């Protein structure tokens, strides 16, 4: 990624919290979506 570039990361349940989820925050078997932006690189 270059500075200022944006990306969307999609994590299937197999690569995230799976069948357990995270009680009170992430449901069981949830697909997680992260929108990220590279602000700075050192």
N, C-alpha and C. Protein backbone atom coordinates (compact mmCIF):
# COMPACT_ATOMS: atom_id res chain seq x y z
N UNK A 1 0.84 -1.19 0.00
CA UNK A 1 0.00 0.00 0.00
C UNK A 1 0.88 1.24 0.00
N UNK A 2 0.36 2.29 -0.61
CA UNK A 2 1.02 3.58 -0.60
C UNK A 2 0.34 4.49 0.41
N UNK A 3 1.05 5.49 0.88
CA UNK A 3 0.48 6.44 1.84
C UNK A 3 -0.80 7.05 1.26
N UNK A 4 -1.86 7.07 2.07
CA UNK A 4 -3.15 7.60 1.66
C UNK A 4 -4.05 6.58 0.98
N UNK A 5 -3.51 5.44 0.63
CA UNK A 5 -4.30 4.41 -0.03
C UNK A 5 -5.24 3.74 0.97
N UNK A 6 -6.39 3.31 0.47
CA UNK A 6 -7.39 2.63 1.30
C UNK A 6 -7.59 1.21 0.81
N UNK A 7 -7.98 0.34 1.73
CA UNK A 7 -8.25 -1.05 1.38
C UNK A 7 -9.36 -1.58 2.27
N UNK A 8 -10.04 -2.58 1.79
CA UNK A 8 -11.06 -3.27 2.58
C UNK A 8 -10.60 -4.71 2.75
N UNK A 9 -10.51 -5.13 4.01
CA UNK A 9 -10.13 -6.51 4.33
C UNK A 9 -11.38 -7.25 4.80
N UNK A 10 -11.62 -8.39 4.20
CA UNK A 10 -12.77 -9.21 4.58
C UNK A 10 -12.24 -10.51 5.15
N UNK A 11 -12.58 -10.77 6.41
CA UNK A 11 -12.13 -11.98 7.10
C UNK A 11 -13.31 -12.91 7.33
N UNK A 12 -13.25 -14.09 6.75
CA UNK A 12 -14.31 -15.07 6.96
C UNK A 12 -14.20 -15.60 8.39
N UNK A 13 -15.26 -16.21 8.90
CA UNK A 13 -15.23 -16.74 10.27
C UNK A 13 -14.06 -17.69 10.51
N UNK A 14 -13.64 -18.41 9.48
CA UNK A 14 -12.52 -19.35 9.62
C UNK A 14 -11.23 -18.65 10.03
N UNK A 15 -11.08 -17.39 9.63
CA UNK A 15 -9.86 -16.63 9.93
C UNK A 15 -10.08 -15.58 11.02
N UNK A 16 -11.29 -15.57 11.61
CA UNK A 16 -11.59 -14.59 12.65
C UNK A 16 -11.97 -15.32 13.94
N UNK A 17 -13.17 -15.07 14.46
CA UNK A 17 -13.58 -15.65 15.74
C UNK A 17 -14.35 -16.96 15.62
N UNK A 18 -14.72 -17.34 14.41
CA UNK A 18 -15.35 -18.63 14.16
C UNK A 18 -16.66 -18.85 14.88
N UNK A 19 -16.90 -20.10 15.24
CA UNK A 19 -18.16 -20.51 15.87
C UNK A 19 -18.31 -19.95 17.28
N UNK A 20 -17.22 -19.54 17.90
CA UNK A 20 -17.30 -19.00 19.26
C UNK A 20 -17.75 -17.54 19.27
N UNK A 21 -17.33 -16.78 18.28
CA UNK A 21 -17.63 -15.36 18.30
C UNK A 21 -16.90 -14.70 19.46
N UNK A 22 -17.37 -13.55 19.84
CA UNK A 22 -16.84 -12.85 21.02
C UNK A 22 -18.06 -12.30 21.74
N UNK A 23 -18.54 -13.03 22.76
CA UNK A 23 -19.80 -12.69 23.42
C UNK A 23 -19.93 -11.20 23.77
N UNK A 24 -21.08 -10.67 23.38
CA UNK A 24 -21.37 -9.26 23.66
C UNK A 24 -20.84 -8.30 22.62
N UNK A 25 -20.03 -8.79 21.67
CA UNK A 25 -19.46 -7.89 20.68
C UNK A 25 -19.53 -8.43 19.25
N UNK A 26 -19.17 -9.70 19.05
CA UNK A 26 -19.11 -10.29 17.71
C UNK A 26 -19.92 -11.58 17.72
N UNK A 27 -20.95 -11.66 16.86
CA UNK A 27 -21.77 -12.87 16.82
C UNK A 27 -20.99 -14.08 16.32
N UNK A 28 -21.50 -15.25 16.61
CA UNK A 28 -20.90 -16.50 16.12
C UNK A 28 -20.90 -16.50 14.59
N UNK A 29 -19.84 -17.04 14.01
CA UNK A 29 -19.70 -17.19 12.55
C UNK A 29 -19.85 -15.88 11.78
N UNK A 30 -19.41 -14.79 12.36
CA UNK A 30 -19.51 -13.48 11.70
C UNK A 30 -18.35 -13.28 10.72
N UNK A 31 -18.66 -12.67 9.59
CA UNK A 31 -17.64 -12.22 8.65
C UNK A 31 -17.26 -10.81 9.08
N UNK A 32 -15.96 -10.57 9.28
CA UNK A 32 -15.49 -9.26 9.72
C UNK A 32 -14.99 -8.47 8.53
N UNK A 33 -15.36 -7.18 8.48
CA UNK A 33 -14.94 -6.30 7.39
C UNK A 33 -14.22 -5.11 8.01
N UNK A 34 -12.98 -4.88 7.55
CA UNK A 34 -12.17 -3.78 8.04
C UNK A 34 -11.87 -2.83 6.89
N UNK A 35 -12.23 -1.57 7.04
CA UNK A 35 -11.83 -0.53 6.09
C UNK A 35 -10.62 0.17 6.69
N UNK A 36 -9.50 0.13 5.98
CA UNK A 36 -8.27 0.70 6.52
C UNK A 36 -7.69 1.73 5.56
N UNK A 37 -6.91 2.66 6.11
CA UNK A 37 -6.21 3.66 5.32
C UNK A 37 -4.80 3.79 5.88
N UNK A 38 -3.82 3.75 5.01
CA UNK A 38 -2.43 3.91 5.43
C UNK A 38 -2.15 5.40 5.58
N UNK A 39 -1.94 5.84 6.82
CA UNK A 39 -1.71 7.25 7.10
C UNK A 39 -0.24 7.61 7.12
N UNK A 40 0.59 6.71 7.64
CA UNK A 40 2.00 7.02 7.81
C UNK A 40 2.81 5.73 7.78
N UNK A 41 4.00 5.81 7.24
CA UNK A 41 4.88 4.66 7.21
C UNK A 41 6.28 5.13 7.59
N UNK A 42 6.90 4.41 8.50
CA UNK A 42 8.25 4.78 8.93
C UNK A 42 9.23 3.68 8.61
